[in-house]
C-alpha atoms as a PDB file:
ATOM      1  CA  MET A   1      58.374 -11.629  18.480  1.00  0.00           C
ATOM      2  CA  SER A   2      57.485 -14.330  21.042  1.00  0.00           C
ATOM      3  CA  ILE A   3      55.581 -17.474  20.199  1.00  0.00           C
ATOM      4  CA  ALA A   4      52.698 -16.291  22.419  1.00  0.00           C
ATOM      5  CA  CYS A   5      52.393 -12.991  20.494  1.00  0.00           C
ATOM      6  CA  ARG A   6      52.475 -14.779  17.143  1.00  0.00           C
ATOM      7  CA  THR A   7      49.793 -17.208  18.353  1.00  0.00           C
ATOM      8  CA  LEU A   8      47.548 -14.405  19.574  1.00  0.00           C
ATOM      9  CA  GLY A   9      47.996 -12.547  16.286  1.00  0.00           C
ATOM     10  CA  ALA A  10      47.100 -15.615  14.254  1.00  0.00           C
ATOM     11  CA  LEU A  11      44.004 -16.233  16.354  1.00  0.00           C
ATOM     12  CA  ALA A  12      42.901 -12.618  15.941  1.00  0.00           C
ATOM     13  CA  LEU A  13      43.335 -12.876  12.161  1.00  0.00           C
ATOM     14  CA  LEU A  14      41.354 -16.108  12.001  1.00  0.00           C
ATOM     15  CA  PHE A  15      38.578 -14.557  14.087  1.00  0.00           C
ATOM     16  CA  ALA A  16      38.407 -11.519  11.808  1.00  0.00           C
ATOM     17  CA  LEU A  17      38.318 -13.657   8.675  1.00  0.00           C
ATOM     18  CA  GLY A  18      35.632 -15.844  10.176  1.00  0.00           C
ATOM     19  CA  ALA A  19      33.501 -12.833  11.109  1.00  0.00           C
ATOM     20  CA  ARG A  20      33.748 -11.418   7.596  1.00  0.00           C
ATOM     21  CA  ALA A  21      32.941 -14.765   6.024  1.00  0.00           C
ATOM     22  CA  GLU A  22      29.720 -15.295   8.017  1.00  0.00           C
ATOM     23  CA  PRO A  23      26.843 -15.147   5.530  1.00  0.00           C
ATOM     24  CA  PRO A  24      23.904 -12.793   6.147  1.00  0.00           C
ATOM     25  CA  SER A  25      20.632 -14.237   7.397  1.00  0.00           C
ATOM     26  CA  ALA A  26      18.470 -15.570   4.602  1.00  0.00           C
ATOM     27  CA  PRO A  27      15.065 -13.882   4.225  1.00  0.00           C
ATOM     28  CA  GLY A  28      11.813 -15.532   5.205  1.00  0.00           C
ATOM     29  CA  THR A  29       8.322 -15.746   3.711  1.00  0.00           C
ATOM     30  CA  LEU A  30       4.927 -14.586   4.946  1.00  0.00           C
ATOM     31  CA  ARG A  31       1.905 -16.471   3.692  1.00  0.00           C
ATOM     32  CA  GLY A  32      -1.774 -16.690   4.598  1.00  0.00           C
ATOM     33  CA  LYS A  33      -5.396 -16.141   3.649  1.00  0.00           C
ATOM     34  CA  VAL A  34      -7.846 -13.252   4.004  1.00  0.00           C
ATOM     35  CA  THR A  35     -11.533 -14.069   4.549  1.00  0.00           C
ATOM     36  CA  ALA A  36     -13.938 -11.238   3.686  1.00  0.00           C
ATOM     37  CA  GLN A  37     -17.124 -10.988   5.758  1.00  0.00           C
ATOM     38  CA  GLY A  38     -18.937  -8.687   3.357  1.00  0.00           C
ATOM     39  CA  PRO A  39     -18.491  -7.329  -0.189  1.00  0.00           C
ATOM     40  CA  ALA A  40     -14.841  -6.513  -0.819  1.00  0.00           C
ATOM     41  CA  ALA A  41     -13.668  -4.057  -3.458  1.00  0.00           C
ATOM     42  CA  ASN A  42     -10.572  -5.465  -5.097  1.00  0.00           C
ATOM     43  CA  PRO A  43      -7.783  -5.447  -4.333  1.00  0.00           C
ATOM     44  CA  ILE A  44      -7.467  -6.835  -0.839  1.00  0.00           C
ATOM     45  CA  VAL A  45      -3.874  -6.044   0.154  1.00  0.00           C
ATOM     46  CA  VAL A  46      -1.587  -7.370   2.875  1.00  0.00           C
ATOM     47  CA  TYR A  47       1.470  -5.257   3.716  1.00  0.00           C
ATOM     48  CA  LEU A  48       4.206  -4.612   6.272  1.00  0.00           C
ATOM     49  CA  GLU A  49       3.680  -1.409   8.239  1.00  0.00           C
ATOM     50  CA  HIS A  50       6.423   1.082   9.227  1.00  0.00           C
ATOM     51  CA  VAL A  51       9.215  -0.490   7.183  1.00  0.00           C
ATOM     52  CA  ALA A  52      11.424   2.099   5.474  1.00  0.00           C
ATOM     53  CA  ALA A  53      11.712   1.820   1.710  1.00  0.00           C
ATOM     54  CA  THR A  54      15.020   0.511   0.402  1.00  0.00           C
ATOM     55  CA  ASP A  55      14.373   1.456  -3.213  1.00  0.00           C
ATOM     56  CA  PRO A  56      12.788   4.458  -4.966  1.00  0.00           C
ATOM     57  CA  ALA A  57       9.112   4.570  -5.853  1.00  0.00           C
ATOM     58  CA  PRO A  58       8.271   2.819  -9.141  1.00  0.00           C
ATOM     59  CA  ALA A  59       8.391   5.132 -12.130  1.00  0.00           C
ATOM     60  CA  ARG A  60       5.292   3.467 -13.573  1.00  0.00           C
ATOM     61  CA  ARG A  61       2.236   5.690 -13.277  1.00  0.00           C
ATOM     62  CA  ARG A  62      -1.107   4.344 -12.090  1.00  0.00           C
ATOM     63  CA  THR A  63      -4.550   5.221 -13.419  1.00  0.00           C
ATOM     64  CA  LEU A  64      -7.813   5.944 -11.620  1.00  0.00           C
ATOM     65  CA  ALA A  65     -10.252   6.653 -14.453  1.00  0.00           C
ATOM     66  CA  GLN A  66     -13.649   8.343 -14.438  1.00  0.00           C
ATOM     67  CA  LYS A  67     -15.954   6.110 -16.453  1.00  0.00           C
ATOM     68  CA  ASN A  68     -19.745   5.673 -16.464  1.00  0.00           C
ATOM     69  CA  GLN A  69     -19.884   8.258 -13.681  1.00  0.00           C
ATOM     70  CA  ASP A  70     -17.818   6.044 -11.428  1.00  0.00           C
ATOM     71  CA  PHE A  71     -14.146   5.480 -10.615  1.00  0.00           C
ATOM     72  CA  GLU A  72     -12.388   2.579 -12.271  1.00  0.00           C
ATOM     73  CA  PRO A  73     -10.961   0.874 -10.313  1.00  0.00           C
ATOM     74  CA  ARG A  74     -12.552   1.840  -7.014  1.00  0.00           C
ATOM     75  CA  ALA A  75      -9.389   0.981  -5.107  1.00  0.00           C
ATOM     76  CA  LEU A  76      -5.750   1.453  -6.027  1.00  0.00           C
ATOM     77  CA  VAL A  77      -2.468   0.643  -4.242  1.00  0.00           C
ATOM     78  CA  VAL A  78       0.642   2.722  -4.915  1.00  0.00           C
ATOM     79  CA  GLN A  79       4.001   3.408  -3.322  1.00  0.00           C
ATOM     80  CA  LYS A  80       4.817   6.808  -1.841  1.00  0.00           C
ATOM     81  CA  GLY A  81       6.042   9.096  -4.615  1.00  0.00           C
ATOM     82  CA  GLN A  82       4.135   7.387  -7.420  1.00  0.00           C
ATOM     83  CA  VAL A  83       1.981   9.490  -9.749  1.00  0.00           C
ATOM     84  CA  VAL A  84      -1.697   8.709 -10.319  1.00  0.00           C
ATOM     85  CA  ASP A  85      -3.453   9.817 -13.516  1.00  0.00           C
ATOM     86  CA  PHE A  86      -7.152  10.768 -13.420  1.00  0.00           C
ATOM     87  CA  PRO A  87      -8.460  10.684 -17.011  1.00  0.00           C
ATOM     88  CA  ASN A  88     -12.102  11.555 -17.758  1.00  0.00           C
ATOM     89  CA  TYR A  89     -13.662   9.017 -20.139  1.00  0.00           C
ATOM     90  CA  ASP A  90     -17.233  10.256 -19.604  1.00  0.00           C
ATOM     91  CA  LYS A  91     -19.200  12.697 -21.723  1.00  0.00           C
ATOM     92  CA  VAL A  92     -19.808  14.909 -18.687  1.00  0.00           C
ATOM     93  CA  TYR A  93     -17.553  17.095 -16.563  1.00  0.00           C
ATOM     94  CA  HIS A  94     -15.913  15.824 -13.387  1.00  0.00           C
ATOM     95  CA  ASN A  95     -14.031  17.476 -10.507  1.00  0.00           C
ATOM     96  CA  VAL A  96     -11.825  14.935  -8.728  1.00  0.00           C
ATOM     97  CA  PHE A  97     -10.597  15.923  -5.258  1.00  0.00           C
ATOM     98  CA  SER A  98      -9.325  14.637  -1.919  1.00  0.00           C
ATOM     99  CA  VAL A  99      -9.061  16.200   1.521  1.00  0.00           C
ATOM    100  CA  SER A 100      -7.003  13.347   3.021  1.00  0.00           C
ATOM    101  CA  PRO A 101      -4.155  14.899   5.094  1.00  0.00           C
ATOM    102  CA  GLY A 102      -0.856  15.014   3.224  1.00  0.00           C
ATOM    103  CA  ASN A 103      -2.441  14.120  -0.105  1.00  0.00           C
ATOM    104  CA  GLU A 104      -4.987  16.926  -0.478  1.00  0.00           C
ATOM    105  CA  PHE A 105      -5.671  17.956  -4.065  1.00  0.00           C
ATOM    106  CA  ASP A 106      -8.365  19.578  -6.187  1.00  0.00           C
ATOM    107  CA  ALA A 107      -8.098  18.710  -9.887  1.00  0.00           C
ATOM    108  CA  GLY A 108     -10.735  21.277 -10.800  1.00  0.00           C
ATOM    109  CA  LEU A 109     -13.528  20.912 -13.332  1.00  0.00           C
ATOM    110  CA  TYR A 110     -12.499  19.206 -16.572  1.00  0.00           C
ATOM    111  CA  ARG A 111     -14.287  17.771 -19.592  1.00  0.00           C
ATOM    112  CA  ALA A 112     -14.332  14.461 -21.418  1.00  0.00           C
ATOM    113  CA  GLY A 113     -10.976  13.475 -22.899  1.00  0.00           C
ATOM    114  CA  ALA A 114      -9.006  15.564 -20.419  1.00  0.00           C
ATOM    115  CA  GLY A 115      -7.054  14.329 -17.415  1.00  0.00           C
ATOM    116  CA  LYS A 116      -5.093  15.427 -14.382  1.00  0.00           C
ATOM    117  CA  SER A 117      -2.165  13.840 -12.532  1.00  0.00           C
ATOM    118  CA  VAL A 118      -1.277  13.855  -8.827  1.00  0.00           C
ATOM    119  CA  GLU A 119       1.798  12.604  -6.963  1.00  0.00           C
ATOM    120  CA  MET A 120       0.976  10.651  -3.808  1.00  0.00           C
ATOM    121  CA  LYS A 121       3.239  12.221  -1.172  1.00  0.00           C
ATOM    122  CA  ALA A 122       1.989  10.875   2.159  1.00  0.00           C
ATOM    123  CA  LEU A 123       1.422   7.368   3.506  1.00  0.00           C
ATOM    124  CA  GLY A 124      -2.002   5.965   4.286  1.00  0.00           C
ATOM    125  CA  GLU A 125      -5.487   6.020   2.802  1.00  0.00           C
ATOM    126  CA  VAL A 126      -6.515   8.678   0.300  1.00  0.00           C
ATOM    127  CA  ASP A 127     -10.270   9.188  -0.087  1.00  0.00           C
ATOM    128  CA  VAL A 128     -11.041  10.307  -3.641  1.00  0.00           C
ATOM    129  CA  TYR A 129     -14.359  11.884  -4.648  1.00  0.00           C
ATOM    130  CA  CYS A 130     -15.975  13.882  -7.443  1.00  0.00           C
ATOM    131  CA  ASN A 131     -17.292  17.288  -6.418  1.00  0.00           C
ATOM    132  CA  ILE A 132     -20.237  16.915  -8.826  1.00  0.00           C
ATOM    133  CA  HIS A 133     -21.251  13.271  -8.391  1.00  0.00           C
ATOM    134  CA  PRO A 134     -21.490  12.189  -4.722  1.00  0.00           C
ATOM    135  CA  ASP A 135     -21.769   8.493  -5.585  1.00  0.00           C
ATOM    136  CA  MET A 136     -18.284   8.501  -7.089  1.00  0.00           C
ATOM    137  CA  VAL A 137     -16.041   7.156  -4.324  1.00  0.00           C
ATOM    138  CA  ALA A 138     -12.583   5.570  -4.514  1.00  0.00           C
ATOM    139  CA  LYS A 139      -9.651   4.900  -2.215  1.00  0.00           C
ATOM    140  CA  ILE A 140      -5.927   4.954  -2.840  1.00  0.00           C
ATOM    141  CA  LEU A 141      -3.644   3.168  -0.389  1.00  0.00           C
ATOM    142  CA  VAL A 142      -0.170   4.721  -0.316  1.00  0.00           C
ATOM    143  CA  LEU A 143       2.488   2.340   1.005  1.00  0.00           C
ATOM    144  CA  GLU A 144       6.069   2.907   2.091  1.00  0.00           C
ATOM    145  CA  ASN A 145       7.760  -0.122   0.564  1.00  0.00           C
ATOM    146  CA  HIS A 146       7.379  -3.033  -1.830  1.00  0.00           C
ATOM    147  CA  PHE A 147       6.616  -5.571   0.904  1.00  0.00           C
ATOM    148  CA  HIS A 148       2.962  -6.024   0.021  1.00  0.00           C
ATOM    149  CA  ALA A 149       0.807  -8.481  -1.894  1.00  0.00           C
ATOM    150  CA  GLU A 150      -2.680  -8.556  -3.381  1.00  0.00           C
ATOM    151  CA  ALA A 151      -4.830 -11.465  -2.272  1.00  0.00           C
ATOM    152  CA  ALA A 152      -5.912 -13.914  -4.970  1.00  0.00           C
ATOM    153  CA  GLN A 153      -9.560 -14.725  -5.723  1.00  0.00           C
ATOM    154  CA  ASP A 154      -9.579 -17.337  -2.950  1.00  0.00           C
ATOM    155  CA  GLY A 155      -8.022 -14.893  -0.465  1.00  0.00           C
ATOM    156  CA  SER A 156      -4.545 -16.437  -0.467  1.00  0.00           C
ATOM    157  CA  TRP A 157      -1.465 -14.197  -0.464  1.00  0.00           C
ATOM    158  CA  SER A 158       2.298 -14.352   0.081  1.00  0.00           C
ATOM    159  CA  ILE A 159       5.175 -11.919   0.618  1.00  0.00           C
ATOM    160  CA  GLU A 160       8.628 -13.324  -0.057  1.00  0.00           C
ATOM    161  CA  GLY A 161      12.134 -12.040   0.626  1.00  0.00           C
ATOM    162  CA  VAL A 162      11.329 -10.496   4.011  1.00  0.00           C
ATOM    163  CA  PRO A 163      14.394  -9.848   6.236  1.00  0.00           C
ATOM    164  CA  PRO A 164      14.203 -11.641   9.614  1.00  0.00           C
ATOM    165  CA  GLY A 165      12.647  -9.537  12.340  1.00  0.00           C
ATOM    166  CA  GLU A 166       9.419  -8.507  14.070  1.00  0.00           C
ATOM    167  CA  TYR A 167       6.805  -6.635  12.054  1.00  0.00           C
ATOM    168  CA  THR A 168       3.245  -5.329  12.078  1.00  0.00           C
ATOM    169  CA  LEU A 169       1.289  -6.959   9.266  1.00  0.00           C
ATOM    170  CA  VAL A 170      -1.853  -5.257   7.917  1.00  0.00           C
ATOM    171  CA  ALA A 171      -4.721  -6.593   5.794  1.00  0.00           C
ATOM    172  CA  TRP A 172      -6.574  -3.811   3.927  1.00  0.00           C
ATOM    173  CA  SER A 173      -9.605  -3.374   1.689  1.00  0.00           C
ATOM    174  CA  ALA A 174     -11.394  -0.229   0.539  1.00  0.00           C
ATOM    175  CA  THR A 175     -14.747  -1.577   1.771  1.00  0.00           C
ATOM    176  CA  LEU A 176     -13.694  -3.637   4.808  1.00  0.00           C
ATOM    177  CA  GLU A 177     -12.156  -2.686   8.156  1.00  0.00           C
ATOM    178  CA  SER A 178      -8.376  -3.155   8.202  1.00  0.00           C
ATOM    179  CA  GLN A 179      -6.859  -5.678  10.595  1.00  0.00           C
ATOM    180  CA  LYS A 180      -3.349  -5.791  12.097  1.00  0.00           C
ATOM    181  CA  MET A 181      -1.232  -8.438  13.775  1.00  0.00           C
ATOM    182  CA  LYS A 182       2.323  -8.789  15.056  1.00  0.00           C
ATOM    183  CA  VAL A 183       4.457 -11.355  13.250  1.00  0.00           C
ATOM    184  CA  GLU A 184       8.014 -12.609  13.556  1.00  0.00           C
ATOM    185  CA  VAL A 185       9.865 -13.558  10.387  1.00  0.00           C
ATOM    186  CA  LYS A 186      12.676 -16.074  10.790  1.00  0.00           C
ATOM    187  CA  SER A 187      15.481 -16.867   8.376  1.00  0.00           C
ATOM    188  CA  SER A 188      14.433 -19.340   5.639  1.00  0.00           C
ATOM    189  CA  VAL A 189      11.136 -20.021   7.436  1.00  0.00           C
ATOM    190  CA  GLU A 190       7.561 -19.609   6.189  1.00  0.00           C
ATOM    191  CA  THR A 191       5.325 -17.769   8.680  1.00  0.00           C
ATOM    192  CA  ARG A 192       1.544 -18.134   8.483  1.00  0.00           C
ATOM    193  CA  ALA A 193      -0.882 -15.253   9.098  1.00  0.00           C
ATOM    194  CA  ASP A 194      -4.644 -15.388   8.413  1.00  0.00           C
ATOM    195  CA  PHE A 195      -7.128 -12.505   8.596  1.00  0.00           C
ATOM    196  CA  VAL A 196     -10.889 -12.009   8.771  1.00  0.00           C
ATOM    197  CA  LEU A 197     -12.113  -8.606   7.547  1.00  0.00           C
ATOM    198  CA  TRP A 198     -15.514  -7.111   8.374  1.00  0.00           C
ATOM    199  CA  ARG A 199     -17.504  -4.447   6.537  1.00  0.00           C
ATOM    200  CA  ARG A 200     -16.759  -0.762   7.140  1.00  0.00           C
ATOM    201  CA  GLY A 201     -19.349   1.639   8.505  1.00  0.00           C
ATOM    202  CA  ASP A 202     -21.069   4.585   6.818  1.00  0.00           C
ATOM    203  CA  ARG A 203     -19.194   6.003   3.801  1.00  0.00           C
ATOM    204  CA  SER A 204     -21.125   9.285   3.411  1.00  0.00           C
ATOM    205  CA  HIS A 205     -19.036  12.404   2.709  1.00  0.00           C
ATOM    206  CA  LEU A 206     -19.197  16.133   1.988  1.00  0.00           C
ATOM    207  CA  ASN A 207     -18.055  18.046  -1.094  1.00  0.00           C
ATOM    208  CA  LYS A 208     -14.656  19.738  -1.379  1.00  0.00           C
ATOM    209  CA  ASN A 209     -15.958  22.804   0.476  1.00  0.00           C
ATOM    210  CA  GLY A 210     -17.131  20.728   3.435  1.00  0.00           C
ATOM    211  CA  GLU A 211     -20.781  21.173   2.441  1.00  0.00           C
ATOM    212  CA  GLN A 212     -23.639  18.871   1.491  1.00  0.00           C
ATOM    213  CA  TYR A 213     -23.939  18.049  -2.202  1.00  0.00           C
ATOM    214  CA  GLY A 214     -26.529  19.845  -4.310  1.00  0.00           C
ATOM    215  CA  ARG A 215     -28.969  18.214  -6.718  1.00  0.00           C
ATOM    216  CA  TYR A 216     -26.792  18.416  -9.826  1.00  0.00           C
ATOM    217  CA  ARG A 217     -26.022  15.049 -11.423  1.00  0.00           C
END
């Protein structure tokens, strides 16, 4: 073998070794503050939109209870595939339901001490009501991945370990209008993103049959 061939082979080997040894880009951090212009039902959540999940949905079940003829809590955040329990802690009957596309369910009429469970199968907001008590209103936000954070009491939030890239960032509340912005996350860099959320409009709704509620309480 000629000296030129041996030299070219050695250079190719060094190039290959160097390419394999190059470390992956370090993740970045998103941080900011959400200011609520109106009463906000906790939690206020900031999340990355349209990012495929890299791990299965948490096995831990979440609870949206019926208590004092209200939902507790009034807002819940889960990951797609998680199961939500709907126990009835009141002394009256309830009929929990939702007509939100992809997550429609009707738990039927059930008494105190009983409960039903529903798997959240589709992304987005799930409006939850009681077919007997029109004032019972809750929302479930179903997310695709774990890249989300609940804002603290002062509105501050942070999402760490985000791979470098361009994303759509969303700030959400059950009682305030969601806001979106484009962000770019760079390796080992902290990116700032602040939001101002305004109150939603009318929250009136129909019963599970698409009709006005009767007088029963």
